[in-house]
Amino acid sequence: MPALVKALCFVGHTHIPGVIDQDGEFMSVEALGGRFELEEGSRAIVNVGSVGQPRDLDSRSGYVMLDGAAVTFRRVEYDVNAAMQDIMNESALPNANGERLLRGM
């Protein structure tokens, strides 16, 4: 069977950080120890997570740093309660979008 992943690709907006390897296997940030080592010709899909609506039970903003040899997953604290209140004050948005910030899901 040919490889499912043809190149190194970064994606977001899917809310769950991790890496899908060339054979289609998902590796969580925890399983990777927070870092994915790159080799020449690496083929993987790197999900960078979500700055605003994480879905991995961690309410902190998520992003990655690419240093050429590795992808490092990072998290940053922010005022989740203030963000939740801003969402709940916006009538065009469902309250659930704000409430789930506290749970990270």
PDB file of N, CA and C in Angstrom:
ATOM      1  N   MET A   1       0.842  -1.175   0.000  1.00  0.00           N
ATOM      2  CA  MET A   1       0.000   0.000   0.000  1.00  0.00           C
ATOM      3  C   MET A   1       0.892   1.245   0.000  1.00  0.00           C
ATOM      4  N   PRO A   2       0.603   2.244  -0.842  1.00  0.00           N
ATOM      5  CA  PRO A   2       1.410   3.463  -0.852  1.00  0.00           C
ATOM      6  C   PRO A   2       1.208   4.258   0.435  1.00  0.00           C
ATOM      7  N   ALA A   3       2.167   5.082   0.752  1.00  0.00           N
ATOM      8  CA  ALA A   3       2.081   5.912   1.954  1.00  0.00           C
ATOM      9  C   ALA A   3       0.868   6.830   1.860  1.00  0.00           C
ATOM     10  N   LEU A   4       0.195   7.034   2.976  1.00  0.00           N
ATOM     11  CA  LEU A   4      -0.980   7.902   3.014  1.00  0.00           C
ATOM     12  C   LEU A   4      -0.606   9.373   3.026  1.00  0.00           C
ATOM     13  N   VAL A   5       0.551   9.697   3.554  1.00  0.00           N
ATOM     14  CA  VAL A   5       1.003  11.079   3.659  1.00  0.00           C
ATOM     15  C   VAL A   5       2.177  11.265   2.698  1.00  0.00           C
ATOM     16  N   LYS A   6       2.060  12.227   1.805  1.00  0.00           N
ATOM     17  CA  LYS A   6       3.038  12.399   0.730  1.00  0.00           C
ATOM     18  C   LYS A   6       4.127  13.427   1.036  1.00  0.00           C
ATOM     19  N   ALA A   7       3.910  14.309   2.027  1.00  0.00           N
ATOM     20  CA  ALA A   7       4.865  15.380   2.321  1.00  0.00           C
ATOM     21  C   ALA A   7       4.695  15.817   3.771  1.00  0.00           C
ATOM     22  N   LEU A   8       5.468  16.780   4.187  1.00  0.00           N
ATOM     23  CA  LEU A   8       5.312  17.384   5.501  1.00  0.00           C
ATOM     24  C   LEU A   8       4.280  18.497   5.358  1.00  0.00           C
ATOM     25  N   CYS A   9       3.244  18.448   6.166  1.00  0.00           N
ATOM     26  CA  CYS A   9       2.137  19.390   6.058  1.00  0.00           C
ATOM     27  C   CYS A   9       1.734  19.849   7.462  1.00  0.00           C
ATOM     28  N   PHE A  10       1.450  21.129   7.598  1.00  0.00           N
ATOM     29  CA  PHE A  10       0.976  21.686   8.863  1.00  0.00           C
ATOM     30  C   PHE A  10      -0.483  22.085   8.694  1.00  0.00           C
ATOM     31  N   VAL A  11      -1.325  21.694   9.645  1.00  0.00           N
ATOM     32  CA  VAL A  11      -2.742  22.035   9.608  1.00  0.00           C
ATOM     33  C   VAL A  11      -3.172  22.579  10.960  1.00  0.00           C
ATOM     34  N   GLY A  12      -4.255  23.302  10.937  1.00  0.00           N
ATOM     35  CA  GLY A  12      -4.839  23.814  12.164  1.00  0.00           C
ATOM     36  C   GLY A  12      -6.348  23.715  12.063  1.00  0.00           C
ATOM     37  N   HIS A  13      -7.012  24.298  12.999  1.00  0.00           N
ATOM     38  CA  HIS A  13      -8.466  24.386  13.043  1.00  0.00           C
ATOM     39  C   HIS A  13      -9.136  23.041  13.295  1.00  0.00           C
ATOM     40  N   THR A  14      -8.383  22.017  13.544  1.00  0.00           N
ATOM     41  CA  THR A  14      -8.988  20.744  13.902  1.00  0.00           C
ATOM     42  C   THR A  14      -8.909  20.509  15.405  1.00  0.00           C
ATOM     43  N   HIS A  15      -8.247  21.396  16.105  1.00  0.00           N
ATOM     44  CA  HIS A  15      -8.329  21.530  17.563  1.00  0.00           C
ATOM     45  C   HIS A  15      -7.619  20.476  18.403  1.00  0.00           C
ATOM     46  N   ILE A  16      -7.122  19.413  17.816  1.00  0.00           N
ATOM     47  CA  ILE A  16      -6.441  18.383  18.603  1.00  0.00           C
ATOM     48  C   ILE A  16      -5.007  18.260  18.107  1.00  0.00           C
ATOM     49  N   PRO A  17      -4.039  18.786  18.871  1.00  0.00           N
ATOM     50  CA  PRO A  17      -2.653  18.762  18.409  1.00  0.00           C
ATOM     51  C   PRO A  17      -2.072  17.351  18.385  1.00  0.00           C
ATOM     52  N   GLY A  18      -1.162  17.141  17.462  1.00  0.00           N
ATOM     53  CA  GLY A  18      -0.489  15.856  17.346  1.00  0.00           C
ATOM     54  C   GLY A  18       0.059  15.688  15.941  1.00  0.00           C
ATOM     55  N   VAL A  19       0.500  14.491  15.635  1.00  0.00           N
ATOM     56  CA  VAL A  19       1.110  14.202  14.338  1.00  0.00           C
ATOM     57  C   VAL A  19       0.501  12.923  13.781  1.00  0.00           C
ATOM     58  N   ILE A  20       0.186  12.962  12.490  1.00  0.00           N
ATOM     59  CA  ILE A  20      -0.210  11.759  11.765  1.00  0.00           C
ATOM     60  C   ILE A  20       0.988  11.372  10.903  1.00  0.00           C
ATOM     61  N   ASP A  21       1.509  10.177  11.117  1.00  0.00           N
ATOM     62  CA  ASP A  21       2.706   9.763  10.385  1.00  0.00           C
ATOM     63  C   ASP A  21       2.362   9.312   8.969  1.00  0.00           C
ATOM     64  N   GLN A  22       3.373   8.933   8.225  1.00  0.00           N
ATOM     65  CA  GLN A  22       3.190   8.590   6.810  1.00  0.00           C
ATOM     66  C   GLN A  22       2.301   7.367   6.594  1.00  0.00           C
ATOM     67  N   ASP A  23       2.078   6.593   7.641  1.00  0.00           N
ATOM     68  CA  ASP A  23       1.207   5.423   7.532  1.00  0.00           C
ATOM     69  C   ASP A  23      -0.195   5.677   8.071  1.00  0.00           C
ATOM     70  N   GLY A  24      -0.467   6.934   8.446  1.00  0.00           N
ATOM     71  CA  GLY A  24      -1.791   7.292   8.923  1.00  0.00           C
ATOM     72  C   GLY A  24      -2.016   7.094  10.401  1.00  0.00           C
ATOM     73  N   GLU A  25      -0.968   6.822  11.156  1.00  0.00           N
ATOM     74  CA  GLU A  25      -1.090   6.629  12.607  1.00  0.00           C
ATOM     75  C   GLU A  25      -1.003   7.979  13.318  1.00  0.00           C
ATOM     76  N   PHE A  26      -1.962   8.249  14.231  1.00  0.00           N
ATOM     77  CA  PHE A  26      -1.953   9.484  15.008  1.00  0.00           C
ATOM     78  C   PHE A  26      -1.108   9.314  16.253  1.00  0.00           C
ATOM     79  N   MET A  27      -0.255  10.311  16.532  1.00  0.00           N
ATOM     80  CA  MET A  27       0.559  10.338  17.745  1.00  0.00           C
ATOM     81  C   MET A  27       0.216  11.612  18.508  1.00  0.00           C
ATOM     82  N   SER A  28      -0.213  11.465  19.741  1.00  0.00           N
ATOM     83  CA  SER A  28      -0.562  12.627  20.557  1.00  0.00           C
ATOM     84  C   SER A  28       0.699  13.380  20.976  1.00  0.00           C
ATOM     85  N   VAL A  29       0.509  14.615  21.418  1.00  0.00           N
ATOM     86  CA  VAL A  29       1.629  15.419  21.915  1.00  0.00           C
ATOM     87  C   VAL A  29       2.298  14.705  23.093  1.00  0.00           C
ATOM     88  N   GLU A  30       1.489  14.104  23.943  1.00  0.00           N
ATOM     89  CA  GLU A  30       2.029  13.390  25.102  1.00  0.00           C
ATOM     90  C   GLU A  30       2.887  12.204  24.658  1.00  0.00           C
ATOM     91  N   ALA A  31       2.400  11.452  23.681  1.00  0.00           N
ATOM     92  CA  ALA A  31       3.159  10.301  23.183  1.00  0.00           C
ATOM     93  C   ALA A  31       4.475  10.736  22.543  1.00  0.00           C
ATOM     94  N   LEU A  32       4.488  11.940  21.973  1.00  0.00           N
ATOM     95  CA  LEU A  32       5.702  12.465  21.334  1.00  0.00           C
ATOM     96  C   LEU A  32       6.634  13.148  22.327  1.00  0.00           C
ATOM     97  N   GLY A  33       6.208  13.293  23.555  1.00  0.00           N
ATOM     98  CA  GLY A  33       7.010  14.032  24.528  1.00  0.00           C
ATOM     99  C   GLY A  33       7.097  15.512  24.180  1.00  0.00           C
ATOM    100  N   GLY A  34       6.084  16.008  23.456  1.00  0.00           N
ATOM    101  CA  GLY A  34       6.029  17.431  23.116  1.00  0.00           C
ATOM    102  C   GLY A  34       6.892  17.849  21.938  1.00  0.00           C
ATOM    103  N   ARG A  35       7.536  16.878  21.289  1.00  0.00           N
ATOM    104  CA  ARG A  35       8.476  17.216  20.209  1.00  0.00           C
ATOM    105  C   ARG A  35       8.467  16.134  19.135  1.00  0.00           C
ATOM    106  N   PHE A  36       8.436  16.568  17.867  1.00  0.00           N
ATOM    107  CA  PHE A  36       8.473  15.644  16.744  1.00  0.00           C
ATOM    108  C   PHE A  36       9.741  15.922  15.954  1.00  0.00           C
ATOM    109  N   GLU A  37      10.637  14.946  15.957  1.00  0.00           N
ATOM    110  CA  GLU A  37      11.919  15.099  15.261  1.00  0.00           C
ATOM    111  C   GLU A  37      11.734  14.912  13.759  1.00  0.00           C
ATOM    112  N   LEU A  38      12.303  15.803  12.985  1.00  0.00           N
ATOM    113  CA  LEU A  38      12.222  15.725  11.524  1.00  0.00           C
ATOM    114  C   LEU A  38      13.494  15.119  10.962  1.00  0.00           C
ATOM    115  N   GLU A  39      13.320  14.305   9.956  1.00  0.00           N
ATOM    116  CA  GLU A  39      14.443  13.732   9.231  1.00  0.00           C
ATOM    117  C   GLU A  39      14.333  14.180   7.787  1.00  0.00           C
ATOM    118  N   GLU A  40      15.391  14.059   7.036  1.00  0.00           N
ATOM    119  CA  GLU A  40      15.364  14.402   5.611  1.00  0.00           C
ATOM    120  C   GLU A  40      14.206  13.664   4.941  1.00  0.00           C
ATOM    121  N   GLY A  41      13.360  14.402   4.239  1.00  0.00           N
ATOM    122  CA  GLY A  41      12.230  13.794   3.542  1.00  0.00           C
ATOM    123  C   GLY A  41      11.077  13.394   4.439  1.00  0.00           C
ATOM    124  N   SER A  42      11.017  13.952   5.655  1.00  0.00           N
ATOM    125  CA  SER A  42       9.926  13.614   6.571  1.00  0.00           C
ATOM    126  C   SER A  42       8.573  13.810   5.913  1.00  0.00           C
ATOM    127  N   ARG A  43       7.696  12.851   6.158  1.00  0.00           N
ATOM    128  CA  ARG A  43       6.333  12.924   5.666  1.00  0.00           C
ATOM    129  C   ARG A  43       5.406  12.747   6.859  1.00  0.00           C
ATOM    130  N   ALA A  44       4.633  13.787   7.140  1.00  0.00           N
ATOM    131  CA  ALA A  44       3.715  13.737   8.270  1.00  0.00           C
ATOM    132  C   ALA A  44       2.750  14.909   8.174  1.00  0.00           C
ATOM    133  N   ILE A  45       1.617  14.756   8.833  1.00  0.00           N
ATOM    134  CA  ILE A  45       0.681  15.859   8.998  1.00  0.00           C
ATOM    135  C   ILE A  45       0.794  16.306  10.444  1.00  0.00           C
ATOM    136  N   VAL A  46       1.199  17.556  10.642  1.00  0.00           N
ATOM    137  CA  VAL A  46       1.365  18.115  11.983  1.00  0.00           C
ATOM    138  C   VAL A  46       0.158  18.996  12.273  1.00  0.00           C
ATOM    139  N   ASN A  47      -0.648  18.581  13.239  1.00  0.00           N
ATOM    140  CA  ASN A  47      -1.778  19.394  13.658  1.00  0.00           C
ATOM    141  C   ASN A  47      -1.279  20.302  14.776  1.00  0.00           C
ATOM    142  N   VAL A  48      -1.262  21.587  14.521  1.00  0.00           N
ATOM    143  CA  VAL A  48      -0.677  22.540  15.459  1.00  0.00           C
ATOM    144  C   VAL A  48      -1.574  22.815  16.653  1.00  0.00           C
ATOM    145  N   GLY A  49      -2.812  22.336  16.623  1.00  0.00           N
ATOM    146  CA  GLY A  49      -3.733  22.561  17.726  1.00  0.00           C
ATOM    147  C   GLY A  49      -4.600  23.768  17.475  1.00  0.00           C
ATOM    148  N   SER A  50      -4.939  24.488  18.526  1.00  0.00           N
ATOM    149  CA  SER A  50      -5.856  25.611  18.407  1.00  0.00           C
ATOM    150  C   SER A  50      -5.488  26.703  19.389  1.00  0.00           C
ATOM    151  N   VAL A  51      -5.404  27.908  18.875  1.00  0.00           N
ATOM    152  CA  VAL A  51      -5.138  29.047  19.747  1.00  0.00           C
ATOM    153  C   VAL A  51      -6.383  29.383  20.556  1.00  0.00           C
ATOM    154  N   GLY A  52      -7.575  29.215  19.976  1.00  0.00           N
ATOM    155  CA  GLY A  52      -8.770  29.695  20.643  1.00  0.00           C
ATOM    156  C   GLY A  52      -9.792  28.676  21.074  1.00  0.00           C
ATOM    157  N   GLN A  53      -9.802  27.498  20.530  1.00  0.00           N
ATOM    158  CA  GLN A  53     -10.815  26.508  20.903  1.00  0.00           C
ATOM    159  C   GLN A  53     -10.189  25.108  20.976  1.00  0.00           C
ATOM    160  N   PRO A  54      -9.253  24.881  21.901  1.00  0.00           N
ATOM    161  CA  PRO A  54      -8.640  23.558  21.986  1.00  0.00           C
ATOM    162  C   PRO A  54      -9.677  22.491  22.354  1.00  0.00           C
ATOM    163  N   ARG A  55      -9.438  21.267  21.899  1.00  0.00           N
ATOM    164  CA  ARG A  55     -10.358  20.154  22.170  1.00  0.00           C
ATOM    165  C   ARG A  55      -9.608  18.956  22.754  1.00  0.00           C
ATOM    166  N   ASP A  56      -8.548  19.228  23.484  1.00  0.00           N
ATOM    167  CA  ASP A  56      -7.756  18.132  24.046  1.00  0.00           C
ATOM    168  C   ASP A  56      -7.701  18.188  25.568  1.00  0.00           C
ATOM    169  N   LEU A  57      -8.728  18.791  26.155  1.00  0.00           N
ATOM    170  CA  LEU A  57      -8.872  18.913  27.616  1.00  0.00           C
ATOM    171  C   LEU A  57      -7.821  19.827  28.242  1.00  0.00           C
ATOM    172  N   ASP A  58      -7.186  20.668  27.444  1.00  0.00           N
ATOM    173  CA  ASP A  58      -6.205  21.646  27.930  1.00  0.00           C
ATOM    174  C   ASP A  58      -6.667  23.006  27.411  1.00  0.00           C
ATOM    175  N   SER A  59      -7.102  23.877  28.298  1.00  0.00           N
ATOM    176  CA  SER A  59      -7.699  25.149  27.881  1.00  0.00           C
ATOM    177  C   SER A  59      -6.677  26.179  27.404  1.00  0.00           C
ATOM    178  N   ARG A  60      -5.392  25.903  27.556  1.00  0.00           N
ATOM    179  CA  ARG A  60      -4.383  26.866  27.111  1.00  0.00           C
ATOM    180  C   ARG A  60      -4.311  26.922  25.585  1.00  0.00           C
ATOM    181  N   SER A  61      -3.889  28.065  25.062  1.00  0.00           N
ATOM    182  CA  SER A  61      -3.688  28.194  23.622  1.00  0.00           C
ATOM    183  C   SER A  61      -2.560  27.274  23.180  1.00  0.00           C
ATOM    184  N   GLY A  62      -2.709  26.697  22.000  1.00  0.00           N
ATOM    185  CA  GLY A  62      -1.690  25.792  21.481  1.00  0.00           C
ATOM    186  C   GLY A  62      -1.109  26.275  20.169  1.00  0.00           C
ATOM    187  N   TYR A  63       0.166  26.009  19.987  1.00  0.00           N
ATOM    188  CA  TYR A  63       0.850  26.321  18.734  1.00  0.00           C
ATOM    189  C   TYR A  63       2.105  25.475  18.648  1.00  0.00           C
ATOM    190  N   VAL A  64       2.818  25.553  17.519  1.00  0.00           N
ATOM    191  CA  VAL A  64       4.080  24.833  17.377  1.00  0.00           C
ATOM    192  C   VAL A  64       5.188  25.788  16.972  1.00  0.00           C
ATOM    193  N   MET A  65       6.402  25.358  17.242  1.00  0.00           N
ATOM    194  CA  MET A  65       7.611  26.052  16.784  1.00  0.00           C
ATOM    195  C   MET A  65       8.352  25.069  15.894  1.00  0.00           C
ATOM    196  N   LEU A  66       8.726  25.541  14.703  1.00  0.00           N
ATOM    197  CA  LEU A  66       9.514  24.728  13.777  1.00  0.00           C
ATOM    198  C   LEU A  66      10.907  25.317  13.746  1.00  0.00           C
ATOM    199  N   ASP A  67      11.912  24.509  14.145  1.00  0.00           N
ATOM    200  CA  ASP A  67      13.283  25.030  14.165  1.00  0.00           C
ATOM    201  C   ASP A  67      14.143  24.426  13.059  1.00  0.00           C
ATOM    202  N   GLY A  68      13.532  23.706  12.146  1.00  0.00           N
ATOM    203  CA  GLY A  68      14.270  23.095  11.039  1.00  0.00           C
ATOM    204  C   GLY A  68      14.565  21.630  11.274  1.00  0.00           C
ATOM    205  N   ALA A  69      14.829  21.260  12.508  1.00  0.00           N
ATOM    206  CA  ALA A  69      15.139  19.867  12.826  1.00  0.00           C
ATOM    207  C   ALA A  69      14.022  19.195  13.608  1.00  0.00           C
ATOM    208  N   ALA A  70      13.098  19.992  14.137  1.00  0.00           N
ATOM    209  CA  ALA A  70      12.032  19.424  14.956  1.00  0.00           C
ATOM    210  C   ALA A  70      10.862  20.399  15.053  1.00  0.00           C
ATOM    211  N   VAL A  71       9.719  19.822  15.378  1.00  0.00           N
ATOM    212  CA  VAL A  71       8.518  20.588  15.681  1.00  0.00           C
ATOM    213  C   VAL A  71       8.296  20.464  17.180  1.00  0.00           C
ATOM    214  N   THR A  72       8.215  21.584  17.857  1.00  0.00           N
ATOM    215  CA  THR A  72       7.979  21.582  19.296  1.00  0.00           C
ATOM    216  C   THR A  72       6.592  22.144  19.576  1.00  0.00           C
ATOM    217  N   PHE A  73       5.800  21.396  20.306  1.00  0.00           N
ATOM    218  CA  PHE A  73       4.451  21.826  20.663  1.00  0.00           C
ATOM    219  C   PHE A  73       4.519  22.698  21.905  1.00  0.00           C
ATOM    220  N   ARG A  74       3.804  23.833  21.874  1.00  0.00           N
ATOM    221  CA  ARG A  74       3.814  24.786  22.987  1.00  0.00           C
ATOM    222  C   ARG A  74       2.396  25.088  23.439  1.00  0.00           C
ATOM    223  N   ARG A  75       2.273  25.482  24.701  1.00  0.00           N
ATOM    224  CA  ARG A  75       1.004  25.937  25.268  1.00  0.00           C
ATOM    225  C   ARG A  75       1.255  27.241  26.005  1.00  0.00           C
ATOM    226  N   VAL A  76       0.242  28.123  25.993  1.00  0.00           N
ATOM    227  CA  VAL A  76       0.348  29.435  26.618  1.00  0.00           C
ATOM    228  C   VAL A  76      -0.921  29.719  27.423  1.00  0.00           C
ATOM    229  N   GLU A  77      -0.746  30.157  28.650  1.00  0.00           N
ATOM    230  CA  GLU A  77      -1.877  30.569  29.479  1.00  0.00           C
ATOM    231  C   GLU A  77      -2.457  31.868  28.949  1.00  0.00           C
ATOM    232  N   TYR A  78      -3.746  32.033  29.072  1.00  0.00           N
ATOM    233  CA  TYR A  78      -4.413  33.299  28.767  1.00  0.00           C
ATOM    234  C   TYR A  78      -5.642  33.403  29.655  1.00  0.00           C
ATOM    235  N   ASP A  79      -6.277  34.557  29.664  1.00  0.00           N
ATOM    236  CA  ASP A  79      -7.434  34.777  30.519  1.00  0.00           C
ATOM    237  C   ASP A  79      -8.653  34.093  29.904  1.00  0.00           C
ATOM    238  N   VAL A  80      -8.822  32.835  30.215  1.00  0.00           N
ATOM    239  CA  VAL A  80      -9.908  32.031  29.660  1.00  0.00           C
ATOM    240  C   VAL A  80     -11.262  32.588  30.083  1.00  0.00           C
ATOM    241  N   ASN A  81     -11.368  33.023  31.325  1.00  0.00           N
ATOM    242  CA  ASN A  81     -12.651  33.548  31.806  1.00  0.00           C
ATOM    243  C   ASN A  81     -13.071  34.795  31.041  1.00  0.00           C
ATOM    244  N   ALA A  82     -12.122  35.680  30.744  1.00  0.00           N
ATOM    245  CA  ALA A  82     -12.447  36.884  29.978  1.00  0.00           C
ATOM    246  C   ALA A  82     -12.859  36.527  28.554  1.00  0.00           C
ATOM    247  N   ALA A  83     -12.161  35.573  27.940  1.00  0.00           N
ATOM    248  CA  ALA A  83     -12.517  35.134  26.588  1.00  0.00           C
ATOM    249  C   ALA A  83     -13.899  34.499  26.582  1.00  0.00           C
ATOM    250  N   MET A  84     -14.183  33.690  27.592  1.00  0.00           N
ATOM    251  CA  MET A  84     -15.492  33.058  27.697  1.00  0.00           C
ATOM    252  C   MET A  84     -16.585  34.120  27.821  1.00  0.00           C
ATOM    253  N   GLN A  85     -16.365  35.107  28.646  1.00  0.00           N
ATOM    254  CA  GLN A  85     -17.360  36.162  28.844  1.00  0.00           C
ATOM    255  C   GLN A  85     -17.580  36.951  27.557  1.00  0.00           C
ATOM    256  N   ASP A  86     -16.514  37.250  26.823  1.00  0.00           N
ATOM    257  CA  ASP A  86     -16.656  37.961  25.543  1.00  0.00           C
ATOM    258  C   ASP A  86     -17.522  37.165  24.568  1.00  0.00           C
ATOM    259  N   ILE A  87     -17.307  35.868  24.515  1.00  0.00           N
ATOM    260  CA  ILE A  87     -18.105  35.013  23.626  1.00  0.00           C
ATOM    261  C   ILE A  87     -19.560  35.003  24.076  1.00  0.00           C
ATOM    262  N   MET A  88     -19.783  34.870  25.368  1.00  0.00           N
ATOM    263  CA  MET A  88     -21.145  34.792  25.884  1.00  0.00           C
ATOM    264  C   MET A  88     -21.889  36.121  25.738  1.00  0.00           C
ATOM    265  N   ASN A  89     -21.154  37.216  25.679  1.00  0.00           N
ATOM    266  CA  ASN A  89     -21.778  38.525  25.490  1.00  0.00           C
ATOM    267  C   ASN A  89     -22.147  38.793  24.034  1.00  0.00           C
ATOM    268  N   GLU A  90     -21.651  37.973  23.135  1.00  0.00           N
ATOM    269  CA  GLU A  90     -21.935  38.139  21.699  1.00  0.00           C
ATOM    270  C   GLU A  90     -23.149  37.290  21.336  1.00  0.00           C
ATOM    271  N   SER A  91     -24.264  37.945  21.049  1.00  0.00           N
ATOM    272  CA  SER A  91     -25.521  37.218  20.815  1.00  0.00           C
ATOM    273  C   SER A  91     -25.466  36.309  19.583  1.00  0.00           C
ATOM    274  N   ALA A  92     -24.586  36.580  18.650  1.00  0.00           N
ATOM    275  CA  ALA A  92     -24.494  35.751  17.438  1.00  0.00           C
ATOM    276  C   ALA A  92     -23.786  34.423  17.686  1.00  0.00           C
ATOM    277  N   LEU A  93     -23.142  34.281  18.850  1.00  0.00           N
ATOM    278  CA  LEU A  93     -22.409  33.052  19.164  1.00  0.00           C
ATOM    279  C   LEU A  93     -23.132  32.256  20.241  1.00  0.00           C
ATOM    280  N   PRO A  94     -23.140  30.931  20.125  1.00  0.00           N
ATOM    281  CA  PRO A  94     -23.752  30.119  21.175  1.00  0.00           C
ATOM    282  C   PRO A  94     -22.902  30.147  22.458  1.00  0.00           C
ATOM    283  N   ASN A  95     -23.575  30.166  23.600  1.00  0.00           N
ATOM    284  CA  ASN A  95     -22.866  30.163  24.887  1.00  0.00           C
ATOM    285  C   ASN A  95     -21.927  28.971  25.019  1.00  0.00           C
ATOM    286  N   ALA A  96     -22.271  27.858  24.386  1.00  0.00           N
ATOM    287  CA  ALA A  96     -21.442  26.653  24.475  1.00  0.00           C
ATOM    288  C   ALA A  96     -20.024  26.915  23.971  1.00  0.00           C
ATOM    289  N   ASN A  97     -19.865  27.810  22.990  1.00  0.00           N
ATOM    290  CA  ASN A  97     -18.519  28.126  22.493  1.00  0.00           C
ATOM    291  C   ASN A  97     -17.655  28.731  23.587  1.00  0.00           C
ATOM    292  N   GLY A  98     -18.251  29.509  24.459  1.00  0.00           N
ATOM    293  CA  GLY A  98     -17.509  30.090  25.573  1.00  0.00           C
ATOM    294  C   GLY A  98     -17.304  29.108  26.707  1.00  0.00           C
ATOM    295  N   GLU A  99     -18.355  28.371  27.040  1.00  0.00           N
ATOM    296  CA  GLU A  99     -18.286  27.432  28.161  1.00  0.00           C
ATOM    297  C   GLU A  99     -17.231  26.350  27.947  1.00  0.00           C
ATOM    298  N   ARG A 100     -17.082  25.882  26.720  1.00  0.00           N
ATOM    299  CA  ARG A 100     -16.126  24.805  26.486  1.00  0.00           C
ATOM    300  C   ARG A 100     -14.676  25.255  26.564  1.00  0.00           C
ATOM    301  N   LEU A 101     -14.442  26.562  26.557  1.00  0.00           N
ATOM    302  CA  LEU A 101     -13.065  27.050  26.738  1.00  0.00           C
ATOM    303  C   LEU A 101     -12.514  26.592  28.088  1.00  0.00           C
ATOM    304  N   LEU A 102     -13.368  26.607  29.102  1.00  0.00           N
ATOM    305  CA  LEU A 102     -12.929  26.207  30.449  1.00  0.00           C
ATOM    306  C   LEU A 102     -12.528  24.739  30.507  1.00  0.00           C
ATOM    307  N   ARG A 103     -13.193  23.909  29.717  1.00  0.00           N
ATOM    308  CA  ARG A 103     -12.930  22.470  29.721  1.00  0.00           C
ATOM    309  C   ARG A 103     -11.882  22.054  28.697  1.00  0.00           C
ATOM    310  N   GLY A 104     -11.635  22.924  27.712  1.00  0.00           N
ATOM    311  CA  GLY A 104     -10.695  22.551  26.644  1.00  0.00           C
ATOM    312  C   GLY A 104     -11.239  21.441  25.775  1.00  0.00           C
ATOM    313  N   MET A 105     -12.551  21.438  25.593  1.00  0.00           N
ATOM    314  CA  MET A 105     -13.156  20.428  24.717  1.00  0.00           C
ATOM    315  C   MET A 105     -14.381  20.929  24.030  1.00  0.00           C
TER     316      MET A 105
END
